[in-house]
Amino acid sequence: MIVCHCTGISDTDIRAAIEWMRASDPGTIITPGKVYRALGKKADCGGCLPMFIKTMSDCPNLKFPAKFEHRLSDERNKNEG
């Protein structure tokens, strides 16, 4: 499934990047920015970040930084407009 339409990143790409980073450094803190960089891309519009973060959090090999946990809440991801 395509997660980021701007850059063409899929859920499979995200999981593969996380597995690669975890294999190369088991103690690294994995953030969305690091995943983008590992894939040779950078975020564009940011519209994908809620789904991007959800996809990351579903990966069993991920220790998720607490500062991003609030973004997983459906309530906070609603558009106010």
N, C-alpha and C. Protein backbone atom coordinates (compact mmCIF):
# COMPACT_ATOMS: atom_id res chain seq x y z
N MET A 1 0.85 -1.17 0.00
CA MET A 1 0.00 0.00 0.00
C MET A 1 0.90 1.24 0.00
N ILE A 2 0.57 2.21 -0.83
CA ILE A 2 1.31 3.46 -0.88
C ILE A 2 0.94 4.30 0.35
N VAL A 3 1.94 4.72 1.10
CA VAL A 3 1.73 5.54 2.29
C VAL A 3 1.97 7.01 1.95
N CYS A 4 3.03 7.28 1.21
CA CYS A 4 3.36 8.66 0.82
C CYS A 4 3.25 8.77 -0.70
N HIS A 5 2.22 9.46 -1.16
CA HIS A 5 2.02 9.60 -2.60
C HIS A 5 3.02 10.57 -3.23
N CYS A 6 3.48 11.54 -2.47
CA CYS A 6 4.44 12.52 -3.01
C CYS A 6 5.76 11.84 -3.39
N THR A 7 6.19 10.88 -2.58
CA THR A 7 7.49 10.25 -2.81
C THR A 7 7.39 8.79 -3.25
N GLY A 8 6.18 8.24 -3.25
CA GLY A 8 5.98 6.86 -3.68
C GLY A 8 6.45 5.82 -2.67
N ILE A 9 6.46 6.17 -1.39
CA ILE A 9 6.90 5.24 -0.34
C ILE A 9 5.73 4.35 0.07
N SER A 10 5.99 3.05 0.11
CA SER A 10 4.96 2.08 0.50
C SER A 10 5.18 1.59 1.92
N ASP A 11 4.19 0.90 2.45
CA ASP A 11 4.33 0.32 3.78
C ASP A 11 5.46 -0.70 3.80
N THR A 12 5.65 -1.42 2.70
CA THR A 12 6.75 -2.38 2.60
C THR A 12 8.10 -1.68 2.66
N ASP A 13 8.21 -0.53 2.01
CA ASP A 13 9.45 0.26 2.05
C ASP A 13 9.76 0.70 3.48
N ILE A 14 8.73 1.16 4.19
CA ILE A 14 8.92 1.62 5.57
C ILE A 14 9.40 0.48 6.45
N ARG A 15 8.74 -0.67 6.35
CA ARG A 15 9.15 -1.82 7.17
C ARG A 15 10.57 -2.27 6.83
N ALA A 16 10.91 -2.29 5.55
CA ALA A 16 12.25 -2.70 5.13
C ALA A 16 13.31 -1.73 5.67
N ALA A 17 13.02 -0.44 5.62
CA ALA A 17 13.97 0.56 6.14
C ALA A 17 14.17 0.39 7.64
N ILE A 18 13.08 0.14 8.36
CA ILE A 18 13.18 -0.07 9.81
C ILE A 18 14.00 -1.31 10.11
N GLU A 19 13.75 -2.39 9.40
CA GLU A 19 14.51 -3.63 9.60
C GLU A 19 16.00 -3.40 9.31
N TRP A 20 16.30 -2.68 8.24
CA TRP A 20 17.68 -2.40 7.88
C TRP A 20 18.37 -1.57 8.95
N MET A 21 17.69 -0.51 9.43
CA MET A 21 18.28 0.34 10.47
C MET A 21 18.48 -0.42 11.76
N ARG A 22 17.51 -1.24 12.14
CA ARG A 22 17.60 -2.01 13.37
C ARG A 22 18.73 -3.03 13.28
N ALA A 23 18.91 -3.65 12.10
CA ALA A 23 19.98 -4.63 11.92
C ALA A 23 21.36 -3.97 11.99
N SER A 24 21.47 -2.75 11.46
CA SER A 24 22.78 -2.09 11.46
C SER A 24 23.11 -1.45 12.80
N ASP A 25 22.09 -1.06 13.57
CA ASP A 25 22.31 -0.47 14.90
C ASP A 25 21.10 -0.75 15.77
N PRO A 26 21.14 -1.82 16.56
CA PRO A 26 19.98 -2.21 17.37
C PRO A 26 19.51 -1.15 18.36
N GLY A 27 20.37 -0.22 18.74
CA GLY A 27 19.99 0.78 19.73
C GLY A 27 19.53 2.11 19.15
N THR A 28 19.50 2.22 17.84
CA THR A 28 19.15 3.50 17.23
C THR A 28 17.69 3.86 17.47
N ILE A 29 17.44 5.14 17.62
CA ILE A 29 16.07 5.64 17.71
C ILE A 29 15.63 5.92 16.29
N ILE A 30 14.57 5.25 15.87
CA ILE A 30 14.10 5.38 14.49
C ILE A 30 12.96 6.38 14.45
N THR A 31 13.14 7.40 13.63
CA THR A 31 12.13 8.45 13.47
C THR A 31 11.66 8.47 12.02
N PRO A 32 10.55 9.14 11.74
CA PRO A 32 10.12 9.24 10.34
C PRO A 32 11.20 9.86 9.45
N GLY A 33 11.89 10.88 9.95
CA GLY A 33 12.95 11.50 9.16
C GLY A 33 14.06 10.54 8.81
N LYS A 34 14.42 9.68 9.75
CA LYS A 34 15.47 8.69 9.47
C LYS A 34 14.99 7.67 8.44
N VAL A 35 13.72 7.31 8.49
CA VAL A 35 13.18 6.38 7.50
C VAL A 35 13.23 7.02 6.12
N TYR A 36 12.78 8.27 6.01
CA TYR A 36 12.86 8.97 4.73
C TYR A 36 14.29 8.99 4.21
N ARG A 37 15.24 9.36 5.08
CA ARG A 37 16.65 9.42 4.65
C ARG A 37 17.18 8.06 4.24
N ALA A 38 16.79 7.01 4.97
CA ALA A 38 17.24 5.66 4.63
C ALA A 38 16.74 5.26 3.24
N LEU A 39 15.59 5.81 2.86
CA LEU A 39 15.02 5.50 1.55
C LEU A 39 15.47 6.50 0.48
N GLY A 40 16.34 7.44 0.86
CA GLY A 40 16.85 8.42 -0.09
C GLY A 40 15.82 9.46 -0.50
N LYS A 41 14.88 9.74 0.39
CA LYS A 41 13.80 10.69 0.08
C LYS A 41 13.66 11.67 1.23
N LYS A 42 12.80 12.68 1.05
CA LYS A 42 12.47 13.58 2.15
C LYS A 42 10.98 13.91 2.07
N ALA A 43 10.42 14.22 3.22
CA ALA A 43 8.99 14.52 3.28
C ALA A 43 8.68 15.74 2.43
N ASP A 44 7.50 15.74 1.83
CA ASP A 44 7.11 16.86 0.99
C ASP A 44 5.98 17.64 1.66
N CYS A 45 4.75 17.22 1.49
CA CYS A 45 3.61 18.00 2.02
C CYS A 45 3.28 17.65 3.47
N GLY A 46 3.68 16.47 3.94
CA GLY A 46 3.41 16.06 5.32
C GLY A 46 2.05 15.44 5.53
N GLY A 47 1.23 15.38 4.50
CA GLY A 47 -0.10 14.79 4.63
C GLY A 47 -0.08 13.32 5.00
N CYS A 48 1.00 12.65 4.70
CA CYS A 48 1.11 11.22 4.96
C CYS A 48 1.59 10.90 6.37
N LEU A 49 2.06 11.88 7.11
CA LEU A 49 2.72 11.59 8.39
C LEU A 49 1.86 10.78 9.37
N PRO A 50 0.56 11.05 9.53
CA PRO A 50 -0.20 10.19 10.44
C PRO A 50 -0.18 8.72 10.02
N MET A 51 -0.37 8.45 8.72
CA MET A 51 -0.34 7.06 8.25
C MET A 51 1.09 6.52 8.27
N PHE A 52 2.06 7.36 7.97
CA PHE A 52 3.47 6.97 8.00
C PHE A 52 3.84 6.52 9.41
N ILE A 53 3.47 7.32 10.40
CA ILE A 53 3.77 7.01 11.80
C ILE A 53 3.01 5.77 12.26
N LYS A 54 1.77 5.62 11.84
CA LYS A 54 0.98 4.43 12.20
C LYS A 54 1.63 3.19 11.62
N THR A 55 2.08 3.27 10.36
CA THR A 55 2.76 2.14 9.73
C THR A 55 4.04 1.80 10.49
N MET A 56 4.79 2.82 10.88
CA MET A 56 6.00 2.58 11.67
C MET A 56 5.66 1.90 13.00
N SER A 57 4.63 2.39 13.67
CA SER A 57 4.30 1.87 14.99
C SER A 57 3.80 0.43 14.93
N ASP A 58 3.27 0.01 13.79
CA ASP A 58 2.80 -1.37 13.63
C ASP A 58 3.95 -2.34 13.41
N CYS A 59 5.14 -1.84 13.15
CA CYS A 59 6.31 -2.69 12.93
C CYS A 59 6.79 -3.22 14.28
N PRO A 60 6.85 -4.54 14.44
CA PRO A 60 7.21 -5.12 15.74
C PRO A 60 8.63 -4.82 16.19
N ASN A 61 9.49 -4.41 15.29
CA ASN A 61 10.90 -4.18 15.61
C ASN A 61 11.19 -2.71 15.92
N LEU A 62 10.15 -1.94 16.27
CA LEU A 62 10.32 -0.51 16.45
C LEU A 62 10.08 -0.10 17.89
N LYS A 63 11.04 0.63 18.44
CA LYS A 63 10.83 1.33 19.71
C LYS A 63 10.47 2.74 19.30
N PHE A 64 9.26 3.16 19.61
CA PHE A 64 8.76 4.43 19.11
C PHE A 64 9.05 5.56 20.08
N PRO A 65 9.67 6.66 19.63
CA PRO A 65 9.94 7.79 20.52
C PRO A 65 8.65 8.35 21.10
N ALA A 66 8.63 8.57 22.40
CA ALA A 66 7.42 9.03 23.10
C ALA A 66 6.91 10.36 22.55
N LYS A 67 7.81 11.21 22.04
CA LYS A 67 7.36 12.51 21.56
C LYS A 67 6.44 12.41 20.34
N PHE A 68 6.40 11.25 19.68
CA PHE A 68 5.52 11.07 18.53
C PHE A 68 4.25 10.29 18.88
N GLU A 69 4.18 9.72 20.07
CA GLU A 69 3.04 8.87 20.43
C GLU A 69 1.71 9.60 20.30
N HIS A 70 1.67 10.89 20.63
CA HIS A 70 0.40 11.62 20.55
C HIS A 70 -0.15 11.67 19.14
N ARG A 71 0.68 11.51 18.14
CA ARG A 71 0.22 11.56 16.74
C ARG A 71 -0.55 10.31 16.34
N LEU A 72 -0.46 9.27 17.15
CA LEU A 72 -1.18 8.04 16.84
C LEU A 72 -2.64 8.12 17.24
N SER A 73 -2.99 9.07 18.05
CA SER A 73 -4.37 9.23 18.51
C SER A 73 -5.25 9.71 17.36
N ASP A 74 -6.34 9.02 17.11
CA ASP A 74 -7.26 9.43 16.05
C ASP A 74 -7.81 10.82 16.30
N GLU A 75 -8.01 11.16 17.56
CA GLU A 75 -8.58 12.45 17.91
C GLU A 75 -7.68 13.60 17.45
N ARG A 76 -6.39 13.43 17.59
CA ARG A 76 -5.46 14.50 17.22
C ARG A 76 -5.20 14.55 15.73
N ASN A 77 -5.55 13.50 15.00
CA ASN A 77 -5.30 13.46 13.57
C ASN A 77 -6.45 14.02 12.75
N LYS A 78 -7.52 14.44 13.38
CA LYS A 78 -8.66 14.97 12.66
C LYS A 78 -8.35 16.38 12.16
N ASN A 79 -8.85 16.67 10.97
CA ASN A 79 -8.69 18.00 10.39
C ASN A 79 -9.71 18.94 11.00
N GLU A 80 -9.26 20.09 11.46
CA GLU A 80 -10.17 21.04 12.09
C GLU A 80 -11.02 21.79 11.08
N GLY A 81 -10.64 21.75 9.81
CA GLY A 81 -11.34 22.51 8.78
C GLY A 81 -12.51 21.82 8.29
